[in-house]
Every structure is written in C-alpha cells, then in structure tokens.
C-alpha cells in the first residue's frame, strides 16, 4: 500500500537490470525492431488503420519517469496515451499516443529467439488492446494477459 516505497524499490530494480547483459538468445535491436514491424503488419487491416498514427517505440527498459510513477520496471510493454474510445474530436488537447516495447524485458521472459518473436507479437497485441480501451482483466480473459 506504500506507493512511494514501491516506486523507490522499482527504481532500484531498474538500476540493477540496467547492469545485466543481454541474454544469449537476444535477437539484437535491428532484428527486434524488424519483428515488431512484422507483428504490426500481421494485425487486421482495420486495426492497422486505427493505429497507423501510433508509433511503436522499442527501448531496452522502461524510462526512469515511467518507473518513478509506480510502473513495474520489468513490464514488457506500455501504452501511453488516451484510449481510442475516450478520444474527443473537438476541444480536446492533442496527445501523442505511443506503444513501447521493452526489448530486454521481453528477452528476459523468454528462452529462445522463437519465444522472443512470439512474445513481441503477444505484447504488441496486449498494448494495442489498451489503445482500444481494454482493461488488464479483459485482456487476460482474451488470453493476452
């Protein structure tokens, strides 16, 4: 229940993770980005059209700012923005929606390059689900938890 303490511990975990080398099954940044692009291209056309202006950013780990807000430093992805169902077309300030994929966290949860590829796909689907307003519980029910 102590959110401040939780954020402090999360920041220490993040610092420890930054010192860890990539696992032996790491696919490398270029391949990881190519796999993320391939996963995007495999989404249904209607979904691709709705998220075409939502950048997908690959980073090793979540930023210190995201972790300091109390987000788990070992999360595999993160949607930042206003969910699609909540968007207003008139009078709302502009906001950049963004999907982040965290390469080292995804690789850490896997044991082979093939598992990394599958997890990129699953994480992208999960974060895209948040763009469409789905909760963690709803994504879990869909097998995307």
Foldseek 3Di string as FASTA:
>chain_A
DPLQVLLVVQLVVLVVLVPDDADPQQPDDVVLVVLLVVLLVPDDPVLCVVCVQAEEAEAQWDDSVVSSNPDHGLDQKAWDDDAPVPDDPPDDDDDHIYMYGHRRSLSVVDDHNVSSSVSSNLSVVVNSVVSNPDDPVRCVVVVSD
